[in-house]
Structure formats: structure tokens, C-alpha cells
N, C-alpha and C. Protein backbone atom coordinates (compact mmCIF):
# COMPACT_ATOMS: atom_id res chain seq x y z
N UNK A 1 121.00 241.44 162.81
CA UNK A 1 122.45 241.26 163.70
C UNK A 1 121.56 239.55 164.42
N UNK A 2 120.36 239.81 164.57
CA UNK A 2 120.25 238.52 165.83
C UNK A 2 120.07 237.74 165.13
N UNK A 3 120.74 237.14 164.05
CA UNK A 3 120.53 235.32 163.24
C UNK A 3 122.66 235.73 163.82
N UNK A 4 122.68 236.94 163.91
CA UNK A 4 124.76 236.63 163.95
C UNK A 4 124.51 236.48 165.07
N UNK A 5 123.83 236.81 166.33
CA UNK A 5 124.53 237.32 167.26
C UNK A 5 123.55 235.91 168.40
N UNK A 6 122.36 236.14 168.15
CA UNK A 6 121.98 235.25 169.75
C UNK A 6 122.11 234.20 169.62
N UNK A 7 122.17 233.49 170.94
CA UNK A 7 122.85 232.56 171.43
C UNK A 7 124.16 231.60 170.87
N UNK A 8 125.08 232.92 170.98
CA UNK A 8 126.48 232.78 170.99
C UNK A 8 126.91 233.72 171.86
N UNK A 9 128.13 233.20 171.11
CA UNK A 9 129.40 233.47 172.52
C UNK A 9 129.93 234.79 171.67
N UNK A 10 129.95 236.80 171.74
CA UNK A 10 130.28 237.08 171.66
C UNK A 10 131.49 237.80 172.38
N UNK A 11 132.40 238.59 171.78
CA UNK A 11 133.66 238.98 172.30
C UNK A 11 133.40 241.35 172.16
N UNK A 12 133.15 241.54 173.37
CA UNK A 12 133.45 242.97 173.48
C UNK A 12 134.08 243.80 173.62
N UNK A 13 134.77 244.74 173.11
CA UNK A 13 136.03 244.97 173.16
C UNK A 13 135.53 246.66 174.09
N UNK A 14 135.96 247.07 174.56
CA UNK A 14 136.35 248.08 175.06
C UNK A 14 137.15 248.58 174.20
N UNK A 15 137.34 249.87 173.55
CA UNK A 15 138.27 250.84 172.52
C UNK A 15 138.25 252.02 173.57
N UNK A 16 137.45 252.83 174.44
CA UNK A 16 137.96 254.37 174.64
C UNK A 16 136.16 253.84 175.53
N UNK A 17 136.36 255.41 175.33
CA UNK A 17 135.19 256.27 176.46
C UNK A 17 134.71 257.39 175.94
N UNK A 18 133.14 257.17 175.34
CA UNK A 18 133.17 259.16 174.76
C UNK A 18 133.04 260.18 175.92
N UNK A 19 132.42 261.00 175.92
CA UNK A 19 132.62 262.65 176.48
C UNK A 19 131.89 262.57 177.45
N UNK A 20 130.85 261.93 177.60
CA UNK A 20 130.06 261.26 178.88
C UNK A 20 130.06 260.05 179.53
N UNK A 21 131.58 259.91 179.62
CA UNK A 21 132.31 258.20 180.67
C UNK A 21 131.60 257.75 179.96
N UNK A 22 130.80 256.87 178.87
CA UNK A 22 130.24 255.71 178.69
C UNK A 22 130.73 254.98 177.82
N UNK A 23 131.09 254.14 178.23
CA UNK A 23 132.48 252.58 176.71
C UNK A 23 131.89 252.68 175.43
N UNK A 24 133.03 252.81 174.53
CA UNK A 24 132.91 252.23 173.12
C UNK A 24 133.34 251.20 173.62
N UNK A 25 132.68 250.30 172.60
CA UNK A 25 132.81 249.00 172.45
C UNK A 25 132.79 248.04 171.06
N UNK A 26 133.39 247.65 170.79
CA UNK A 26 133.74 246.54 169.38
C UNK A 26 132.99 245.31 169.58
N UNK A 27 131.62 245.05 169.05
CA UNK A 27 130.96 243.41 169.35
C UNK A 27 131.61 242.98 167.69
N UNK A 28 132.21 241.70 168.30
CA UNK A 28 132.10 240.89 167.11
C UNK A 28 132.02 239.36 167.54
N UNK A 29 131.44 238.22 166.29
CA UNK A 29 131.04 237.24 166.94
C UNK A 29 131.88 236.27 165.66
N UNK A 30 132.88 234.98 165.76
CA UNK A 30 133.96 234.51 165.43
C UNK A 30 134.86 235.11 165.02
N UNK A 31 135.19 236.74 165.66
CA UNK A 31 135.64 237.57 164.47
C UNK A 31 135.40 238.59 163.34
N UNK A 32 133.95 238.59 162.90
CA UNK A 32 133.69 239.33 162.67
C UNK A 32 133.05 240.39 163.82
N UNK A 33 133.43 241.51 162.57
CA UNK A 33 132.80 243.03 163.88
C UNK A 33 131.37 243.00 163.72
N UNK A 34 130.47 243.40 164.52
CA UNK A 34 129.22 243.59 163.88
C UNK A 34 128.48 244.28 163.33
N UNK A 35 129.45 246.00 163.79
CA UNK A 35 129.55 246.90 163.32
C UNK A 35 129.20 246.91 162.24
N UNK A 36 131.01 246.67 161.35
CA UNK A 36 131.15 246.31 160.05
C UNK A 36 130.38 245.80 159.11
N UNK A 37 129.26 244.40 159.85
CA UNK A 37 128.56 243.81 159.38
C UNK A 37 127.45 244.11 159.10
N UNK A 38 127.01 245.05 159.74
CA UNK A 38 125.91 246.40 160.19
C UNK A 38 125.90 247.16 159.16
N UNK A 39 127.18 247.96 158.65
CA UNK A 39 127.08 249.36 157.89
C UNK A 39 127.27 248.56 156.40
N UNK A 40 127.92 247.48 156.26
CA UNK A 40 127.27 246.69 154.29
C UNK A 40 126.19 246.27 154.22
N UNK A 41 125.20 245.83 155.20
CA UNK A 41 124.32 245.31 155.07
C UNK A 41 123.27 246.30 154.17
N UNK A 42 124.11 247.46 155.25
CA UNK A 42 122.71 248.54 154.59
C UNK A 42 122.08 249.30 156.04
N UNK A 43 122.19 248.71 157.16
CA UNK A 43 121.87 248.58 158.30
C UNK A 43 121.96 249.59 159.65
N UNK A 44 123.22 250.33 159.27
CA UNK A 44 122.94 251.32 160.06
C UNK A 44 124.06 252.69 159.33
N UNK A 45 124.48 253.78 160.14
CA UNK A 45 124.97 255.12 159.68
C UNK A 45 126.24 254.84 160.29
N UNK A 46 127.33 255.13 159.10
CA UNK A 46 128.64 255.36 160.38
C UNK A 46 128.50 256.84 160.93
N UNK A 47 128.35 257.08 162.00
CA UNK A 47 128.44 258.78 162.66
C UNK A 47 129.40 259.10 162.71
N UNK A 48 130.09 260.02 161.56
CA UNK A 48 131.91 260.25 161.21
C UNK A 48 131.79 261.56 162.16
N UNK A 49 130.92 262.48 162.90
CA UNK A 49 131.44 263.70 163.73
C UNK A 49 132.04 262.63 165.01
N UNK A 50 132.15 261.11 165.26
CA UNK A 50 132.72 260.78 166.09
C UNK A 50 133.61 259.78 165.90
N UNK A 51 133.62 259.09 164.72
CA UNK A 51 134.21 258.42 164.89
C UNK A 51 134.85 258.47 163.03
N UNK A 52 136.15 258.07 163.00
CA UNK A 52 136.83 258.33 162.15
C UNK A 52 137.73 257.00 161.42
N UNK A 53 136.98 255.74 161.90
CA UNK A 53 137.27 254.63 161.74
C UNK A 53 136.92 254.18 160.07
N UNK A 54 138.32 253.63 159.13
CA UNK A 54 138.35 253.60 157.70
C UNK A 54 137.66 252.70 157.41
N UNK A 55 137.12 251.72 158.35
CA UNK A 55 137.22 250.02 157.85
C UNK A 55 135.71 250.71 157.82
N UNK A 56 134.97 250.93 158.47
CA UNK A 56 133.41 251.39 158.86
C UNK A 56 133.29 252.50 157.83
N UNK A 57 133.73 253.29 157.62
CA UNK A 57 133.71 253.97 156.36
C UNK A 57 133.48 253.85 154.99
N UNK A 58 133.94 252.80 155.17
CA UNK A 58 134.57 252.27 153.61
C UNK A 58 133.38 250.84 153.84
N UNK A 59 132.97 250.02 154.67
CA UNK A 59 131.62 249.24 154.66
C UNK A 59 131.02 250.26 154.54
N UNK A 60 130.07 251.31 154.58
CA UNK A 60 128.66 252.88 154.33
C UNK A 60 129.25 253.00 153.43
N UNK A 61 130.89 253.07 152.23
CA UNK A 61 130.62 253.20 150.76
C UNK A 61 129.82 252.07 150.13
N UNK A 62 130.31 250.83 150.02
CA UNK A 62 130.31 249.39 149.65
C UNK A 62 128.64 249.87 149.91
N UNK A 63 127.98 250.28 150.95
CA UNK A 63 126.29 249.69 150.87
C UNK A 63 125.70 251.03 150.19
N UNK A 64 126.31 252.14 150.38
CA UNK A 64 125.71 253.56 149.57
C UNK A 64 126.08 252.88 148.08
N UNK A 65 127.05 252.28 147.52
CA UNK A 65 126.82 252.69 146.18
C UNK A 65 126.28 250.92 145.41
N UNK A 66 126.05 249.54 146.53
CA UNK A 66 125.27 249.12 146.01
C UNK A 66 123.97 249.57 145.96
N UNK A 67 123.17 250.21 147.00
CA UNK A 67 122.22 250.57 147.41
C UNK A 67 121.38 249.31 148.21
N UNK A 68 122.14 249.00 148.94
CA UNK A 68 121.71 248.24 149.98
C UNK A 68 121.13 248.86 150.93
N UNK A 69 119.89 248.32 151.67
CA UNK A 69 118.68 248.41 153.10
C UNK A 69 118.42 250.16 153.15
N UNK A 70 119.41 250.91 154.30
CA UNK A 70 118.72 252.11 154.06
C UNK A 70 118.98 253.11 153.45
N UNK A 71 119.95 252.39 151.98
CA UNK A 71 120.51 253.70 150.98
C UNK A 71 119.72 253.24 149.45
N UNK A 72 118.78 251.70 149.48
CA UNK A 72 117.62 251.50 148.88
C UNK A 72 117.02 252.74 148.55
N UNK A 73 116.51 253.73 149.46
CA UNK A 73 115.44 254.77 150.05
C UNK A 73 116.64 256.14 149.48
N UNK A 74 115.93 257.24 148.45
CA UNK A 74 115.74 257.46 147.73
C UNK A 74 116.44 259.05 148.72
N UNK A 75 115.63 259.12 149.94
CA UNK A 75 116.20 260.40 150.73
C UNK A 75 116.31 259.50 152.57
N UNK A 76 116.60 259.21 152.86
CA UNK A 76 117.28 258.89 153.98
C UNK A 76 118.08 259.27 154.44
N UNK A 77 116.68 259.35 155.44
CA UNK A 77 117.76 260.71 157.18
C UNK A 77 118.19 259.77 158.01
N UNK A 78 120.00 260.31 158.69
CA UNK A 78 120.35 259.75 159.06
C UNK A 78 119.23 260.02 160.79
N UNK A 79 119.73 259.79 161.59
CA UNK A 79 118.66 259.27 163.52
C UNK A 79 118.96 260.04 163.87
N UNK A 80 120.23 261.13 163.82
CA UNK A 80 120.38 262.36 164.91
C UNK A 80 119.80 263.67 164.04
N UNK A 81 119.53 263.65 162.72
CA UNK A 81 119.01 264.66 162.06
C UNK A 81 117.47 264.40 162.20
N UNK A 82 116.84 263.38 162.01
CA UNK A 82 115.44 262.80 162.29
C UNK A 82 115.25 262.87 163.97
N UNK A 83 116.38 263.05 165.17
CA UNK A 83 115.74 263.15 166.47
C UNK A 83 115.69 264.62 166.69
N UNK A 84 116.81 264.82 166.02
CA UNK A 84 116.64 266.79 165.68
C UNK A 84 115.30 267.73 165.31
N UNK A 85 114.87 267.08 164.33
CA UNK A 85 113.53 267.24 163.83
C UNK A 85 112.32 267.41 164.58
N UNK A 86 112.81 266.11 165.45
CA UNK A 86 111.22 265.33 166.27
C UNK A 86 111.47 266.28 167.31
N UNK A 87 112.73 266.41 167.77
CA UNK A 87 112.77 267.67 169.20
C UNK A 87 111.25 268.81 169.40
N UNK A 88 112.34 269.76 167.80
CA UNK A 88 111.05 270.46 167.52
C UNK A 88 109.21 270.76 167.28
N UNK A 89 108.87 268.88 167.77
CA UNK A 89 107.31 269.31 167.63
C UNK A 89 106.47 269.15 168.64
N UNK A 90 107.13 268.15 169.65
CA UNK A 90 106.70 268.22 170.64
C UNK A 90 108.00 268.40 172.07
N UNK A 91 107.19 268.63 173.12
CA UNK A 91 107.92 268.82 173.91
C UNK A 91 108.58 267.67 174.80
N UNK A 92 107.82 266.67 174.48
CA UNK A 92 107.68 265.19 175.23
C UNK A 92 108.55 264.73 174.46
N UNK A 93 109.16 265.26 173.39
CA UNK A 93 110.42 264.16 172.67
C UNK A 93 110.16 262.89 172.48
N UNK A 94 109.52 262.35 171.13
CA UNK A 94 109.14 261.53 170.93
C UNK A 94 108.25 261.02 170.85
N UNK A 95 106.57 261.60 171.22
CA UNK A 95 105.85 261.12 171.51
C UNK A 95 105.39 262.87 170.79
N UNK A 96 104.14 261.74 170.19
CA UNK A 96 103.28 262.95 169.53
C UNK A 96 101.72 261.83 169.10
N UNK A 97 100.58 262.94 169.16
CA UNK A 97 99.41 261.85 168.63
C UNK A 97 98.80 260.96 167.94
N UNK A 98 100.04 261.90 166.17
CA UNK A 98 99.74 260.62 165.91
C UNK A 98 100.17 259.69 165.39
N UNK A 99 101.80 259.71 165.95
CA UNK A 99 102.51 258.46 165.31
C UNK A 99 102.77 257.75 166.75
N UNK A 100 103.14 258.29 167.83
CA UNK A 100 102.62 257.20 169.46
C UNK A 100 104.34 257.04 169.76
N UNK A 101 104.98 257.14 170.12
CA UNK A 101 106.49 257.00 170.83
C UNK A 101 107.22 255.91 170.31
N UNK A 102 108.26 256.46 170.39
CA UNK A 102 109.57 256.74 169.44
C UNK A 102 110.23 255.41 170.14
N UNK A 103 110.21 254.70 169.49
CA UNK A 103 110.86 253.02 169.68
C UNK A 103 112.00 252.84 169.28
N UNK A 104 113.57 254.09 169.27
CA UNK A 104 114.48 253.97 169.05
C UNK A 104 114.91 254.04 167.56
N UNK A 105 116.04 253.64 167.65
CA UNK A 105 116.60 253.77 165.45
C UNK A 105 115.99 252.67 165.11
N UNK A 106 114.76 252.31 164.56
CA UNK A 106 114.81 251.33 163.67
C UNK A 106 114.30 251.90 162.40
N UNK A 107 114.76 250.81 161.69
CA UNK A 107 115.11 250.72 159.97
C UNK A 107 112.91 250.37 159.84
N UNK A 108 112.34 251.20 158.30
CA UNK A 108 111.52 250.28 157.75
C UNK A 108 111.05 248.65 157.17
């Protein structure tokens, strides 16, 4: 996504707010939706608990079927499950002696 958005003009379109009143937005460059690009490349998960967007679902399905990105791994774990499991390890939530600080939702 760095190549798609770095030093480029992006369009941020707020489409709503979540339960915590945070803005939900779609980001695009040259009329290309970056969420869809991330999903199609297998670099993101479509979190269907909060999103029912058929275009996003289709992009993730395409990546799964093609085994692109995270779908090339046979046992990919969604970040929300990984965070839930990590929360049971230590009270510091993401910090432990073996792996160090949690750096965010990163792919290997």
C-alpha cells in the first residue's frame, strides 16, 4: 500500500461511525479503493462482524481462492483471534519476555 498511497493525493470518504463514535472511512487513490486492493492482495482480513460490504467480501474470497498473501498460509489466524489469545498470556497485553512488544497488525 505504500506504493499505492505514498506521496499521492488520497481521497478519504467518511461513511459512518462505529459504536465508539470513531469515524469509519473508505480511502482511495485515483478512484481505486485501498481496502479492496488490500483484500484482493491477501494483505488484510474482511471483518464481517462489523462489515457486510459485498465488494470487500468478494475481494477477500478472490484472494482466498488464489491463495494470495495471508491465504498462502494454511493456518492463518485473524488478528481479532490472535489478540484475544494474546490477552490470556500476560496482563501487559502484547508484551512478553519471548516476543517483545506487539507492533500492530503485521503480516510476516
